Protein backbone atom coordinates (compact mmCIF):
# COMPACT_ATOMS: atom_id res chain seq x y z
CA MET A 1 -21.40 -101.01 -32.55
CA LYS A 2 -19.24 -104.01 -32.82
CA THR A 3 -19.66 -106.34 -35.86
CA ALA A 4 -18.12 -109.25 -37.51
CA ILE A 5 -19.20 -110.34 -40.97
CA CYS A 6 -18.10 -113.58 -41.89
CA TYR A 7 -17.96 -113.75 -45.80
CA TYR A 8 -17.09 -115.58 -48.62
CA SER A 9 -15.78 -113.59 -51.73
CA ALA A 10 -14.08 -115.62 -54.86
CA HIS A 11 -13.79 -114.95 -58.71
CA HIS A 12 -13.80 -111.07 -58.86
CA GLY A 13 -13.38 -110.00 -55.26
CA ASN A 14 -17.14 -108.01 -55.35
CA THR A 15 -18.35 -108.72 -52.15
CA LEU A 16 -15.03 -108.29 -50.32
CA ARG A 17 -15.02 -104.54 -51.87
CA LEU A 18 -18.53 -103.98 -50.18
CA LEU A 19 -16.95 -104.91 -47.15
CA GLU A 20 -13.99 -103.42 -46.95
CA ALA A 21 -15.82 -99.88 -47.84
CA MET A 22 -18.19 -100.86 -45.08
CA ALA A 23 -15.53 -101.62 -42.55
CA ASP A 24 -13.31 -98.42 -42.99
CA GLY A 25 -13.82 -96.04 -40.23
CA ASN A 26 -16.08 -98.72 -38.29
CA ASP A 27 -15.75 -101.34 -35.48
CA ILE A 28 -16.05 -104.34 -38.13
CA GLU A 29 -14.01 -107.53 -38.18
CA LEU A 30 -14.01 -108.98 -41.47
CA ILE A 31 -13.92 -113.07 -41.22
CA ASP A 32 -13.05 -115.33 -44.26
CA VAL A 33 -15.73 -118.46 -43.57
CA ARG A 34 -12.48 -120.48 -45.59
CA ALA A 35 -10.22 -119.44 -43.47
CA ARG A 36 -10.97 -119.82 -39.72
CA ALA A 37 -11.96 -123.24 -38.27
CA ALA A 38 -13.53 -121.95 -34.94
CA VAL A 39 -14.86 -118.27 -34.27
CA CYS A 40 -16.45 -117.11 -31.37
CA LEU A 41 -19.40 -114.48 -32.42
CA GLU A 42 -21.26 -114.20 -28.95
CA GLN A 43 -19.03 -110.76 -28.52
CA TYR A 44 -20.55 -108.49 -31.33
CA ASP A 45 -23.59 -107.01 -31.28
CA ALA A 46 -24.21 -107.81 -34.98
CA VAL A 47 -23.36 -110.39 -37.31
CA GLY A 48 -23.00 -109.92 -40.83
CA PHE A 49 -22.84 -113.02 -43.70
CA ALA A 50 -21.92 -111.84 -46.94
CA SER A 51 -21.50 -113.42 -50.43
CA GLY A 52 -21.44 -113.18 -54.00
CA ILE A 53 -25.01 -115.44 -55.06
CA TYR A 54 -24.47 -118.99 -56.30
CA PHE A 55 -27.53 -120.93 -58.55
CA GLY A 56 -30.01 -118.43 -56.90
CA LYS A 57 -28.36 -118.09 -52.81
CA PHE A 58 -25.51 -117.19 -50.59
CA HIS A 59 -22.25 -119.76 -50.82
CA ASP A 60 -22.82 -122.88 -48.89
CA SER A 61 -19.73 -122.21 -46.59
CA VAL A 62 -21.41 -119.23 -45.50
CA ILE A 63 -24.67 -120.88 -44.78
CA ASN A 64 -23.08 -123.71 -42.75
CA PHE A 65 -20.47 -121.41 -40.95
CA LEU A 66 -24.19 -119.58 -39.73
CA ARG A 67 -25.21 -122.79 -38.69
CA GLN A 68 -22.01 -124.33 -36.83
CA TYR A 69 -21.48 -120.59 -35.34
CA LEU A 70 -24.17 -118.13 -35.11
CA PRO A 71 -25.06 -117.71 -31.50
CA GLU A 72 -29.29 -118.52 -30.82
CA GLY A 73 -31.04 -115.06 -30.92
CA ALA A 74 -28.31 -112.77 -32.35
CA ASN A 75 -28.32 -109.73 -34.60
CA VAL A 76 -27.98 -110.35 -37.77
CA PHE A 77 -27.53 -108.99 -41.13
CA PHE A 78 -26.94 -110.20 -45.15
CA VAL A 79 -24.76 -108.73 -47.71
CA SER A 80 -24.71 -110.06 -51.09
CA THR A 81 -23.47 -109.37 -54.85
CA CYS A 82 -24.84 -111.14 -57.67
CA GLY A 83 -25.44 -111.37 -61.40
CA HIS A 84 -29.24 -110.61 -61.06
CA ILE A 85 -31.35 -109.26 -57.93
CA SER A 86 -33.81 -110.95 -56.28
CA LYS A 87 -35.12 -111.43 -53.19
CA ARG A 88 -34.82 -115.30 -53.34
CA ASN A 89 -31.05 -114.74 -52.81
CA THR A 90 -31.54 -114.49 -49.35
CA ALA A 91 -34.21 -117.14 -49.00
CA ALA A 92 -31.85 -120.15 -47.76
CA ILE A 93 -29.55 -118.10 -45.15
CA SER A 94 -32.56 -116.23 -43.91
CA ALA A 95 -34.09 -119.73 -43.03
CA ALA A 96 -30.77 -120.86 -41.38
CA ALA A 97 -30.74 -117.74 -38.98
CA ALA A 98 -34.45 -118.50 -38.53
CA GLU A 99 -33.36 -121.37 -37.23
CA LYS A 100 -31.02 -120.02 -34.70
CA ARG A 101 -34.05 -117.32 -33.52
CA ALA A 102 -31.98 -114.80 -34.82
CA ASN A 103 -32.73 -110.97 -35.43
CA VAL A 104 -32.68 -110.02 -38.63
CA LEU A 105 -31.63 -106.20 -38.93
CA GLY A 106 -31.67 -106.37 -42.62
CA SER A 107 -29.83 -107.10 -45.84
CA PHE A 108 -27.95 -104.94 -49.02
CA SER A 109 -27.46 -106.75 -52.41
CA CYS A 110 -26.34 -104.80 -55.53
CA ARG A 111 -25.37 -106.44 -58.83
CA GLY A 112 -21.49 -107.92 -59.02
CA TYR A 113 -19.38 -108.61 -62.21
CA ASP A 114 -20.75 -112.28 -63.18
CA THR A 115 -18.67 -114.62 -65.33
CA PHE A 116 -19.53 -117.78 -64.05
CA GLY A 117 -21.07 -120.89 -65.86
CA PRO A 118 -22.51 -119.30 -69.10
CA PHE A 119 -21.94 -115.81 -68.30
CA ARG A 120 -18.52 -116.33 -69.04
CA LEU A 121 -19.23 -117.12 -72.89
CA VAL A 122 -20.45 -113.56 -73.26
CA GLY A 123 -17.73 -111.88 -71.15
CA GLY A 124 -19.94 -111.53 -68.48
CA ILE A 125 -22.60 -109.70 -67.11
CA ALA A 126 -22.85 -106.79 -64.86
CA ARG A 127 -19.26 -105.27 -65.86
CA GLY A 128 -17.91 -102.66 -63.70
CA ARG A 129 -20.07 -103.13 -60.52
CA PRO A 130 -20.14 -103.09 -57.55
CA ASN A 131 -19.55 -99.25 -58.69
CA GLU A 132 -19.10 -96.43 -56.65
CA ARG A 133 -22.59 -95.87 -55.74
CA ASP A 134 -22.84 -99.50 -55.11
CA ILE A 135 -20.07 -98.69 -52.31
CA GLN A 136 -21.42 -95.61 -51.29
CA ASN A 137 -25.03 -97.56 -50.92
CA ALA A 138 -23.33 -100.11 -48.76
CA ARG A 139 -21.97 -97.92 -46.24
CA LYS A 140 -25.10 -96.57 -45.75
CA PHE A 141 -26.75 -99.78 -45.77
CA TYR A 142 -24.48 -100.49 -42.67
CA ALA A 143 -24.85 -96.91 -40.66
CA SER A 144 -28.29 -97.52 -40.72
CA LEU A 145 -28.76 -100.68 -39.02
CA LYS A 146 -30.15 -100.33 -35.36
CA VAL A 147 -29.18 -102.78 -32.93
CA PRO A 148 -32.18 -103.02 -30.13
CA SER A 149 -31.31 -102.51 -26.60
CA PRO A 150 -30.90 -105.68 -24.68
CA ASN A 151 -33.99 -104.61 -22.73
CA THR A 152 -36.46 -104.36 -25.19
């Protein structure tokens, strides 16, 4: 499966660590949304969107990238790292994908070392995450994605 994953990973690089592990041995192109001015996503079987979670949602740059470049009806999935896992973390990006009538294949989230805002005062939370188990689970998640055939 030819895949692009459009991502924003700052602070501790938690999200990028997961994505690099997922890409290893797979046909995945990692696209840093800060570094690409334009991209053609029509050539991919699936497009992932990945980010740390900021104030309960994906980074705005990733959501805006999806709105600007995702083709109508594309197969998408989401990957995130966060200090606190919540189903609400994907609400904004899921809504943006729905605007494009995207087929959501699934989402993966794990804890990530977080020193944002007040967490910095206590040395951060989720220290040591993502860990090897998280990385293996991210690989399993990607391997489990099923892209429907165009005739279904």
